[in-house]
Protein backbone atom coordinates (compact mmCIF):
# COMPACT_ATOMS: atom_id res chain seq x y z
CA MET A 1 -9.02 41.02 52.21
CA THR A 2 -8.52 39.46 55.65
CA GLN A 3 -5.38 41.46 56.34
CA LEU A 4 -6.92 44.62 54.90
CA ARG A 5 -9.81 44.70 57.37
CA HIS A 6 -7.39 44.33 60.28
CA ARG A 7 -5.44 47.33 59.01
CA ILE A 8 -8.59 49.47 58.71
CA ILE A 9 -9.85 48.97 62.29
CA LEU A 10 -6.99 49.80 64.63
CA HIS A 11 -8.75 49.53 68.02
CA ALA A 12 -11.88 50.48 69.94
CA TYR A 13 -12.09 54.06 71.22
CA VAL A 14 -13.51 54.11 74.74
CA THR A 15 -14.67 57.26 76.55
CA GLU A 16 -17.55 58.03 78.88
CA LYS A 17 -19.52 59.38 75.96
CA SER A 18 -18.87 56.31 73.81
CA MET A 19 -19.92 54.01 76.68
CA ASP A 20 -23.17 55.99 77.05
CA GLU A 21 -23.83 55.79 73.30
CA MET A 22 -23.15 52.07 73.38
CA GLU A 23 -25.87 51.55 75.99
CA ARG A 24 -28.46 54.05 74.73
CA LEU A 25 -27.93 54.28 70.95
CA ASN A 26 -26.35 50.91 70.02
CA LYS A 27 -23.12 52.57 68.79
CA LEU A 28 -19.41 51.83 69.11
CA GLU A 29 -16.40 53.99 68.24
CA PHE A 30 -13.21 52.75 66.61
CA VAL A 31 -9.92 54.40 65.75
CA VAL A 32 -9.46 53.60 62.07
CA ASP A 33 -6.84 54.08 59.37
CA SER A 34 -6.83 57.69 58.20
CA ARG A 35 -7.04 56.60 54.54
CA ALA A 36 -10.19 54.44 55.00
CA ASN A 37 -13.54 55.67 53.75
CA ARG A 38 -17.00 54.91 55.16
CA ALA A 39 -17.70 51.97 52.86
CA GLU A 40 -14.39 50.30 53.73
CA ILE A 41 -15.00 50.84 57.45
CA ARG A 42 -18.52 49.38 57.18
CA ARG A 43 -17.25 46.31 55.31
CA ALA A 44 -14.38 45.77 57.78
CA VAL A 45 -16.67 45.99 60.85
CA GLU A 46 -19.29 43.69 59.33
CA GLU A 47 -16.71 41.07 58.35
CA THR A 48 -14.71 41.25 61.57
CA TYR A 49 -17.64 41.09 64.01
CA GLN A 50 -20.24 39.21 61.87
CA CYS A 51 -22.91 41.90 62.23
CA LYS A 52 -24.86 44.42 60.15
CA VAL A 53 -24.03 48.12 60.28
CA GLU A 54 -26.79 50.70 59.97
CA LYS A 55 -24.66 53.85 59.70
CA VAL A 56 -21.04 55.03 59.87
CA ASN A 57 -20.01 58.55 60.90
CA VAL A 58 -16.39 59.66 60.71
CA LYS A 59 -14.57 62.45 62.52
CA ILE A 60 -10.95 63.50 62.39
CA VAL A 61 -9.37 64.36 65.73
CA ARG A 62 -5.88 64.70 67.17
CA VAL A 63 -5.45 60.94 67.72
CA GLY A 64 -6.47 60.20 64.10
CA LYS A 65 -9.72 59.21 62.44
CA ILE A 66 -12.56 57.94 64.63
CA ALA A 67 -15.51 56.06 63.19
CA THR A 68 -18.79 55.94 65.09
CA VAL A 69 -20.65 52.83 63.99
CA ARG A 70 -24.36 52.30 64.63
CA PHE A 71 -25.48 48.68 64.46
CA LYS A 72 -28.84 47.34 63.31
CA LYS A 73 -31.35 46.67 66.10
CA GLU A 74 -30.92 42.89 65.99
CA TYR A 75 -27.23 43.26 66.96
CA SER A 76 -26.14 44.49 70.39
CA ALA A 77 -23.27 46.98 70.60
CA GLU A 78 -22.47 45.64 74.08
CA ASP A 79 -21.93 42.12 72.73
CA ILE A 80 -19.81 43.39 69.86
CA GLY A 81 -17.93 45.66 72.27
CA SER A 82 -17.01 42.71 74.44
CA ARG A 83 -15.60 40.94 71.37
CA ALA A 84 -13.74 44.14 70.41
CA GLY A 85 -12.08 44.35 73.82
CA VAL A 86 -13.99 47.31 75.27
CA PHE A 87 -14.66 45.53 78.59
């Protein structure tokens, strides 16, 4: 399972919009494996960053599949973003 979660989350996806959502809405965006579903993405994020996920939205764009992850209020997206390499 350890190797699987590292194959699901490829890297953080950073844009001006995602930085704004991180500050205002407690969300982060990740480029994920195109075969991963929402439940797998949720499990991988929770296990990798030791947090609780409130909601996962997925969109398919030219660069691949992007997951927008909203964290529960007790977890800060900025702290998790720093661990994910956003800053």
